[in-house]
Every structure is written in structure tokens, then in C-alpha cells.
Amino acid sequence: MWTAGILVAALFPADPPGHRGHPSPSELVHGNAAFLAFAALPAAALLLRGTLTARRPGLRTALNALAVASVATTAALAVFMVDVMDGGPSLGLGGAPTLLGLVERLVLAADIGWVALAVAATGTRDEQGRDRHA
């Protein structure tokens, strides 16, 4: 779900700043797909954390840290979404209207880091130094 959401969000551009009151169809698709992606991966990270750390105990700390980072940055993203809604408080700094784009990128960094570690944790038994049974 995360990959599909990211791909669809990338294919449909968001509206430029200042046009949030009347979203275009492209913005609606972009926003809904991005919401799906941003919500799916932290949930997967929490659900799969135990299984992955059992497979690769050496990655336990890193997997747990990135799962927490994914959840925390996604929660921060939810808070910053208030900034782009009409009537919301301004969370911008000086001339920057919003920090939403920065927070989105932090979420993506945490999520991609977690996916990379999850792939490493699911390596074959040969890679883990055990016999492989095919």
C-alpha cells in the first residue's frame, strides 16, 4: 500500500501553494494517495517489528529506532497538515508559509530507512550463516 500510494502521489501533482481552498482533481488524488502511503508504512513497521527482529536480532535496535521514527514523523506530519488547512495556525518560520514539505521528506527518509532494514532482515538463511532449505 505504501509503494502504491507513493507512486500515485508522484504521478498526480499537488496544487501550488495558495490554491488549497478549491483543490483540483489532481490534488485530491495526490492527497489521498499520499495519506494512504504515510499511514500504511508506520503501521507495517509496528506490526512487523517483532517478526523482523526475531529473524535478525542484530538489527533490533535499528529496526525499533526507525519504526519509532516513522511513527513520530508521521504524527508530526499530521500536526503540520493543520497548517495547510484554511483557518489553521501558522507553523511556518518567517517567510516560509509552512514546514509541511520538510516534514514530508523526513517521513519519507524514516520510511525508506525502515524498508531498507526490513529487506536486510529478511535475507536468505545462507546470508545469515545457516543452511538454506529450498
N, C-alpha and C. Protein backbone atom coordinates (compact mmCIF):
# COMPACT_ATOMS: atom_id res chain seq x y z
N MET A 1 0.83 -1.20 0.00
CA MET A 1 0.00 0.00 0.00
C MET A 1 0.87 1.26 0.00
N TRP A 2 1.99 1.18 0.74
CA TRP A 2 2.88 2.35 0.80
C TRP A 2 3.43 2.67 -0.59
N THR A 3 3.94 1.66 -1.28
CA THR A 3 4.52 1.88 -2.60
C THR A 3 3.48 2.41 -3.58
N ALA A 4 2.31 1.81 -3.58
CA ALA A 4 1.25 2.28 -4.49
C ALA A 4 0.88 3.73 -4.18
N GLY A 5 0.76 4.06 -2.92
CA GLY A 5 0.42 5.44 -2.54
C GLY A 5 1.47 6.43 -2.98
N ILE A 6 2.74 6.08 -2.78
CA ILE A 6 3.83 6.98 -3.19
C ILE A 6 3.85 7.15 -4.71
N LEU A 7 3.69 6.06 -5.45
CA LEU A 7 3.71 6.15 -6.92
C LEU A 7 2.56 7.00 -7.45
N VAL A 8 1.36 6.78 -6.92
CA VAL A 8 0.21 7.56 -7.38
C VAL A 8 0.38 9.03 -7.00
N ALA A 9 0.84 9.29 -5.78
CA ALA A 9 1.06 10.68 -5.35
C ALA A 9 2.10 11.37 -6.22
N ALA A 10 3.10 10.62 -6.67
CA ALA A 10 4.13 11.20 -7.54
C ALA A 10 3.59 11.48 -8.94
N LEU A 11 2.65 10.68 -9.40
CA LEU A 11 2.09 10.86 -10.75
C LEU A 11 1.10 12.01 -10.84
N PHE A 12 0.45 12.34 -9.73
CA PHE A 12 -0.54 13.41 -9.72
C PHE A 12 0.00 14.56 -8.88
N PRO A 13 0.36 15.66 -9.51
CA PRO A 13 0.97 16.77 -8.76
C PRO A 13 -0.02 17.47 -7.83
N ALA A 14 0.54 17.97 -6.74
CA ALA A 14 -0.25 18.75 -5.79
C ALA A 14 -0.48 20.15 -6.38
N ASP A 15 -1.51 20.81 -5.90
CA ASP A 15 -1.75 22.19 -6.31
C ASP A 15 -0.67 23.09 -5.74
N PRO A 16 -0.36 24.18 -6.42
CA PRO A 16 0.64 25.11 -5.89
C PRO A 16 0.14 25.78 -4.61
N PRO A 17 1.05 26.29 -3.78
CA PRO A 17 0.63 26.99 -2.56
C PRO A 17 -0.35 28.11 -2.88
N GLY A 18 -1.30 28.28 -2.01
CA GLY A 18 -2.30 29.32 -2.20
C GLY A 18 -3.56 28.84 -2.88
N HIS A 19 -3.58 27.62 -3.37
CA HIS A 19 -4.74 27.08 -4.07
C HIS A 19 -5.40 25.94 -3.28
N ARG A 20 -5.22 25.92 -2.00
CA ARG A 20 -5.70 24.82 -1.18
C ARG A 20 -7.21 24.88 -0.93
N GLY A 21 -7.83 26.04 -1.08
CA GLY A 21 -9.26 26.18 -0.79
C GLY A 21 -10.14 25.42 -1.75
N HIS A 22 -9.73 25.34 -3.00
CA HIS A 22 -10.50 24.66 -4.04
C HIS A 22 -9.58 23.68 -4.75
N PRO A 23 -9.41 22.48 -4.19
CA PRO A 23 -8.46 21.54 -4.77
C PRO A 23 -8.89 21.02 -6.14
N SER A 24 -7.89 20.86 -6.99
CA SER A 24 -8.14 20.29 -8.32
C SER A 24 -8.28 18.77 -8.17
N PRO A 25 -8.80 18.10 -9.20
CA PRO A 25 -8.87 16.63 -9.15
C PRO A 25 -7.48 16.00 -8.92
N SER A 26 -6.45 16.58 -9.54
CA SER A 26 -5.10 16.06 -9.36
C SER A 26 -4.67 16.17 -7.90
N GLU A 27 -4.98 17.29 -7.26
CA GLU A 27 -4.65 17.48 -5.83
C GLU A 27 -5.39 16.47 -4.96
N LEU A 28 -6.65 16.20 -5.28
CA LEU A 28 -7.42 15.24 -4.49
C LEU A 28 -6.82 13.84 -4.58
N VAL A 29 -6.43 13.43 -5.79
CA VAL A 29 -5.80 12.12 -5.96
C VAL A 29 -4.45 12.10 -5.23
N HIS A 30 -3.66 13.15 -5.43
CA HIS A 30 -2.35 13.25 -4.79
C HIS A 30 -2.48 13.16 -3.26
N GLY A 31 -3.38 13.95 -2.70
CA GLY A 31 -3.54 13.99 -1.25
C GLY A 31 -4.02 12.67 -0.67
N ASN A 32 -4.99 12.03 -1.31
CA ASN A 32 -5.49 10.76 -0.80
C ASN A 32 -4.46 9.64 -0.93
N ALA A 33 -3.73 9.62 -2.03
CA ALA A 33 -2.69 8.60 -2.20
C ALA A 33 -1.56 8.81 -1.20
N ALA A 34 -1.18 10.06 -0.99
CA ALA A 34 -0.12 10.35 -0.02
C ALA A 34 -0.57 9.98 1.38
N PHE A 35 -1.83 10.26 1.72
CA PHE A 35 -2.34 9.89 3.04
C PHE A 35 -2.25 8.38 3.24
N LEU A 36 -2.65 7.62 2.22
CA LEU A 36 -2.57 6.16 2.29
C LEU A 36 -1.13 5.71 2.54
N ALA A 37 -0.21 6.28 1.79
CA ALA A 37 1.20 5.89 1.93
C ALA A 37 1.75 6.28 3.30
N PHE A 38 1.48 7.50 3.73
CA PHE A 38 2.02 7.97 5.01
C PHE A 38 1.43 7.22 6.19
N ALA A 39 0.23 6.68 6.06
CA ALA A 39 -0.38 5.93 7.16
C ALA A 39 0.00 4.45 7.13
N ALA A 40 0.25 3.90 5.94
CA ALA A 40 0.49 2.46 5.81
C ALA A 40 1.83 2.01 6.36
N LEU A 41 2.88 2.75 6.09
CA LEU A 41 4.20 2.24 6.47
C LEU A 41 4.45 2.24 7.97
N PRO A 42 4.08 3.28 8.72
CA PRO A 42 4.28 3.18 10.17
C PRO A 42 3.50 2.01 10.78
N ALA A 43 2.31 1.76 10.26
CA ALA A 43 1.54 0.62 10.75
C ALA A 43 2.27 -0.69 10.45
N ALA A 44 2.79 -0.82 9.25
CA ALA A 44 3.54 -2.02 8.89
C ALA A 44 4.81 -2.16 9.73
N ALA A 45 5.48 -1.04 9.97
CA ALA A 45 6.71 -1.08 10.78
C ALA A 45 6.40 -1.60 12.18
N LEU A 46 5.31 -1.15 12.77
CA LEU A 46 4.96 -1.62 14.11
C LEU A 46 4.51 -3.08 14.10
N LEU A 47 3.74 -3.47 13.10
CA LEU A 47 3.24 -4.84 13.03
C LEU A 47 4.35 -5.86 12.74
N LEU A 48 5.32 -5.50 11.92
CA LEU A 48 6.36 -6.44 11.51
C LEU A 48 7.63 -6.37 12.37
N ARG A 49 7.69 -5.43 13.27
CA ARG A 49 8.89 -5.22 14.08
C ARG A 49 9.32 -6.49 14.80
N GLY A 50 8.40 -7.17 15.45
CA GLY A 50 8.73 -8.38 16.21
C GLY A 50 9.24 -9.51 15.33
N THR A 51 8.59 -9.73 14.21
CA THR A 51 9.00 -10.79 13.29
C THR A 51 10.39 -10.53 12.72
N LEU A 52 10.63 -9.30 12.32
CA LEU A 52 11.92 -8.97 11.72
C LEU A 52 13.06 -9.02 12.74
N THR A 53 12.82 -8.55 13.95
CA THR A 53 13.88 -8.59 14.95
C THR A 53 14.15 -10.02 15.41
N ALA A 54 13.14 -10.90 15.33
CA ALA A 54 13.37 -12.32 15.65
C ALA A 54 14.27 -12.96 14.59
N ARG A 55 14.11 -12.55 13.34
CA ARG A 55 14.96 -13.09 12.25
C ARG A 55 16.37 -12.57 12.34
N ARG A 56 16.52 -11.31 12.66
CA ARG A 56 17.83 -10.66 12.74
C ARG A 56 17.96 -9.88 14.04
N PRO A 57 18.28 -10.55 15.14
CA PRO A 57 18.39 -9.85 16.43
C PRO A 57 19.40 -8.71 16.41
N GLY A 58 20.41 -8.79 15.57
CA GLY A 58 21.41 -7.73 15.49
C GLY A 58 20.86 -6.42 14.95
N LEU A 59 19.74 -6.49 14.28
CA LEU A 59 19.12 -5.27 13.73
C LEU A 59 17.99 -4.74 14.63
N ARG A 60 17.81 -5.35 15.79
CA ARG A 60 16.70 -4.98 16.68
C ARG A 60 16.70 -3.47 16.99
N THR A 61 17.82 -2.95 17.43
CA THR A 61 17.87 -1.53 17.82
C THR A 61 17.56 -0.62 16.64
N ALA A 62 18.17 -0.90 15.50
CA ALA A 62 17.95 -0.05 14.32
C ALA A 62 16.51 -0.15 13.82
N LEU A 63 15.96 -1.37 13.78
CA LEU A 63 14.57 -1.54 13.33
C LEU A 63 13.61 -0.84 14.28
N ASN A 64 13.84 -0.98 15.58
CA ASN A 64 12.97 -0.31 16.56
C ASN A 64 13.09 1.21 16.44
N ALA A 65 14.32 1.71 16.29
CA ALA A 65 14.52 3.16 16.19
C ALA A 65 13.84 3.72 14.94
N LEU A 66 13.96 3.03 13.82
CA LEU A 66 13.33 3.53 12.60
C LEU A 66 11.81 3.37 12.63
N ALA A 67 11.31 2.34 13.31
CA ALA A 67 9.86 2.21 13.47
C ALA A 67 9.32 3.37 14.30
N VAL A 68 10.02 3.70 15.39
CA VAL A 68 9.61 4.84 16.22
C VAL A 68 9.73 6.14 15.43
N ALA A 69 10.81 6.29 14.65
CA ALA A 69 10.98 7.49 13.83
C ALA A 69 9.86 7.62 12.80
N SER A 70 9.47 6.51 12.21
CA SER A 70 8.39 6.52 11.23
C SER A 70 7.08 6.96 11.87
N VAL A 71 6.77 6.42 13.04
CA VAL A 71 5.54 6.80 13.73
C VAL A 71 5.60 8.27 14.17
N ALA A 72 6.74 8.68 14.73
CA ALA A 72 6.87 10.06 15.24
C ALA A 72 6.79 11.09 14.11
N THR A 73 7.48 10.83 13.00
CA THR A 73 7.44 11.79 11.91
C THR A 73 6.07 11.83 11.25
N THR A 74 5.38 10.69 11.22
CA THR A 74 4.03 10.67 10.68
C THR A 74 3.08 11.45 11.58
N ALA A 75 3.26 11.33 12.89
CA ALA A 75 2.46 12.12 13.83
C ALA A 75 2.74 13.61 13.64
N ALA A 76 4.02 13.96 13.45
CA ALA A 76 4.38 15.36 13.20
C ALA A 76 3.73 15.84 11.90
N LEU A 77 3.71 14.98 10.89
CA LEU A 77 3.08 15.34 9.63
C LEU A 77 1.59 15.64 9.83
N ALA A 78 0.93 14.84 10.65
CA ALA A 78 -0.49 15.09 10.93
C ALA A 78 -0.68 16.46 11.56
N VAL A 79 0.22 16.83 12.47
CA VAL A 79 0.15 18.15 13.11
C VAL A 79 0.38 19.25 12.08
N PHE A 80 1.36 19.08 11.21
CA PHE A 80 1.67 20.10 10.22
C PHE A 80 0.61 20.20 9.13
N MET A 81 -0.19 19.15 8.96
CA MET A 81 -1.28 19.23 7.99
C MET A 81 -2.27 20.32 8.38
N VAL A 82 -2.39 20.60 9.67
CA VAL A 82 -3.28 21.67 10.14
C VAL A 82 -2.84 23.00 9.52
N ASP A 83 -1.55 23.15 9.29
CA ASP A 83 -1.02 24.39 8.75
C ASP A 83 -1.53 24.70 7.35
N VAL A 84 -1.86 23.69 6.57
CA VAL A 84 -2.29 23.94 5.20
C VAL A 84 -3.81 24.01 5.07
N MET A 85 -4.51 23.73 6.15
CA MET A 85 -5.97 23.83 6.11
C MET A 85 -6.39 25.27 6.38
N ASP A 86 -7.46 25.69 5.78
CA ASP A 86 -7.97 27.05 5.99
C ASP A 86 -8.27 27.26 7.47
N GLY A 87 -7.78 28.35 8.00
CA GLY A 87 -8.06 28.69 9.38
C GLY A 87 -7.12 28.06 10.39
N GLY A 88 -6.19 27.23 9.94
CA GLY A 88 -5.26 26.60 10.86
C GLY A 88 -4.19 27.58 11.31
N PRO A 89 -3.53 27.28 12.43
CA PRO A 89 -2.45 28.16 12.89
C PRO A 89 -1.26 28.06 11.95
N SER A 90 -0.46 29.10 11.90
CA SER A 90 0.72 29.08 11.05
C SER A 90 1.88 28.42 11.77
N LEU A 91 2.40 27.36 11.19
CA LEU A 91 3.55 26.67 11.75
C LEU A 91 4.81 26.99 10.96
N GLY A 92 4.74 28.01 10.11
CA GLY A 92 5.87 28.39 9.28
C GLY A 92 6.91 29.17 10.06
N LEU A 93 8.06 29.33 9.44
CA LEU A 93 9.14 30.11 10.04
C LEU A 93 9.40 31.33 9.17
N GLY A 94 9.19 32.50 9.73
CA GLY A 94 9.45 33.73 8.99
C GLY A 94 8.68 33.78 7.70
N GLY A 95 9.41 33.84 6.57
CA GLY A 95 8.78 33.93 5.27
C GLY A 95 8.30 32.61 4.73
N ALA A 96 8.69 31.49 5.35
CA ALA A 96 8.26 30.18 4.86
C ALA A 96 6.83 29.92 5.32
N PRO A 97 5.89 29.72 4.38
CA PRO A 97 4.49 29.58 4.76
C PRO A 97 4.21 28.30 5.55
N THR A 98 4.96 27.27 5.33
CA THR A 98 4.71 26.01 6.03
C THR A 98 5.95 25.13 6.01
N LEU A 99 6.04 24.28 6.98
CA LEU A 99 7.13 23.30 7.04
C LEU A 99 6.65 21.92 6.59
N LEU A 100 5.47 21.88 5.99
CA LEU A 100 4.87 20.61 5.59
C LEU A 100 5.78 19.82 4.66
N GLY A 101 6.35 20.45 3.66
CA GLY A 101 7.22 19.74 2.72
C GLY A 101 8.44 19.14 3.40
N LEU A 102 9.02 19.88 4.34
CA LEU A 102 10.16 19.36 5.09
C LEU A 102 9.77 18.13 5.91
N VAL A 103 8.64 18.20 6.58
CA VAL A 103 8.19 17.08 7.39
C VAL A 103 7.86 15.88 6.50
N GLU A 104 7.27 16.11 5.34
CA GLU A 104 7.01 15.01 4.40
C GLU A 104 8.31 14.30 4.04
N ARG A 105 9.36 15.07 3.80
CA ARG A 105 10.64 14.47 3.43
C ARG A 105 11.27 13.71 4.60
N LEU A 106 11.07 14.19 5.82
CA LEU A 106 11.56 13.46 6.99
C LEU A 106 10.82 12.13 7.15
N VAL A 107 9.51 12.15 6.90
CA VAL A 107 8.74 10.91 6.95
C VAL A 107 9.27 9.93 5.90
N LEU A 108 9.48 10.42 4.69
CA LEU A 108 9.99 9.54 3.63
C LEU A 108 11.36 8.97 3.98
N ALA A 109 12.24 9.79 4.56
CA ALA A 109 13.57 9.30 4.94
C ALA A 109 13.45 8.20 5.99
N ALA A 110 12.62 8.40 7.01
CA ALA A 110 12.44 7.37 8.04
C ALA A 110 11.83 6.11 7.43
N ASP A 111 10.84 6.28 6.56
CA ASP A 111 10.18 5.12 5.96
C ASP A 111 11.11 4.34 5.04
N ILE A 112 11.86 5.03 4.21
CA ILE A 112 12.78 4.34 3.30
C ILE A 112 13.89 3.65 4.09
N GLY A 113 14.37 4.29 5.16
CA GLY A 113 15.36 3.64 6.02
C GLY A 113 14.81 2.37 6.63
N TRP A 114 13.56 2.41 7.09
CA TRP A 114 12.95 1.21 7.67
C TRP A 114 12.80 0.12 6.62
N VAL A 115 12.36 0.47 5.42
CA VAL A 115 12.20 -0.52 4.35
C VAL A 115 13.55 -1.17 4.03
N ALA A 116 14.61 -0.37 3.96
CA ALA A 116 15.94 -0.93 3.68
C ALA A 116 16.37 -1.92 4.76
N LEU A 117 16.14 -1.59 6.01
CA LEU A 117 16.48 -2.51 7.09
C LEU A 117 15.59 -3.74 7.08
N ALA A 118 14.32 -3.57 6.75
CA ALA A 118 13.42 -4.71 6.67
C ALA A 118 13.87 -5.68 5.60
N VAL A 119 14.34 -5.15 4.48
CA VAL A 119 14.87 -6.01 3.41
C VAL A 119 16.11 -6.76 3.92
N ALA A 120 16.99 -6.06 4.61
CA ALA A 120 18.18 -6.71 5.16
C ALA A 120 17.81 -7.80 6.17
N ALA A 121 16.77 -7.57 6.94
CA ALA A 121 16.35 -8.53 7.95
C ALA A 121 15.69 -9.76 7.36
N THR A 122 15.22 -9.66 6.13
CA THR A 122 14.55 -10.80 5.50
C THR A 122 15.47 -11.55 4.57
N GLY A 123 16.78 -11.36 4.71
CA GLY A 123 17.75 -12.06 3.87
C GLY A 123 17.59 -13.57 3.97
N THR A 124 18.15 -14.27 3.00
CA THR A 124 18.04 -15.73 3.00
C THR A 124 18.82 -16.31 4.16
N ARG A 125 18.54 -17.55 4.48
CA ARG A 125 19.24 -18.22 5.57
C ARG A 125 20.72 -18.36 5.25
N ASP A 126 21.09 -18.51 3.98
CA ASP A 126 22.51 -18.57 3.60
C ASP A 126 23.23 -17.31 4.05
N GLU A 127 22.57 -16.17 3.86
CA GLU A 127 23.17 -14.90 4.25
C GLU A 127 23.30 -14.78 5.76
N GLN A 128 22.48 -15.50 6.49
CA GLN A 128 22.53 -15.45 7.94
C GLN A 128 23.48 -16.50 8.51
N GLY A 129 24.16 -17.23 7.65
CA GLY A 129 25.12 -18.21 8.10
C GLY A 129 24.51 -19.54 8.48
N ARG A 130 23.31 -19.84 8.02
CA ARG A 130 22.64 -21.12 8.30
C ARG A 130 22.41 -21.83 6.98
N ASP A 131 22.06 -23.09 7.08
CA ASP A 131 21.73 -23.85 5.88
C ASP A 131 20.45 -23.34 5.28
N ARG A 132 20.41 -23.34 3.98
CA ARG A 132 19.20 -22.90 3.27
C ARG A 132 18.44 -24.13 2.83
N HIS A 133 17.15 -24.15 3.13
CA HIS A 133 16.28 -25.25 2.72
C HIS A 133 15.33 -24.71 1.67
N ALA A 134 15.53 -25.15 0.43
CA ALA A 134 14.69 -24.62 -0.65
C ALA A 134 13.49 -25.45 -0.89
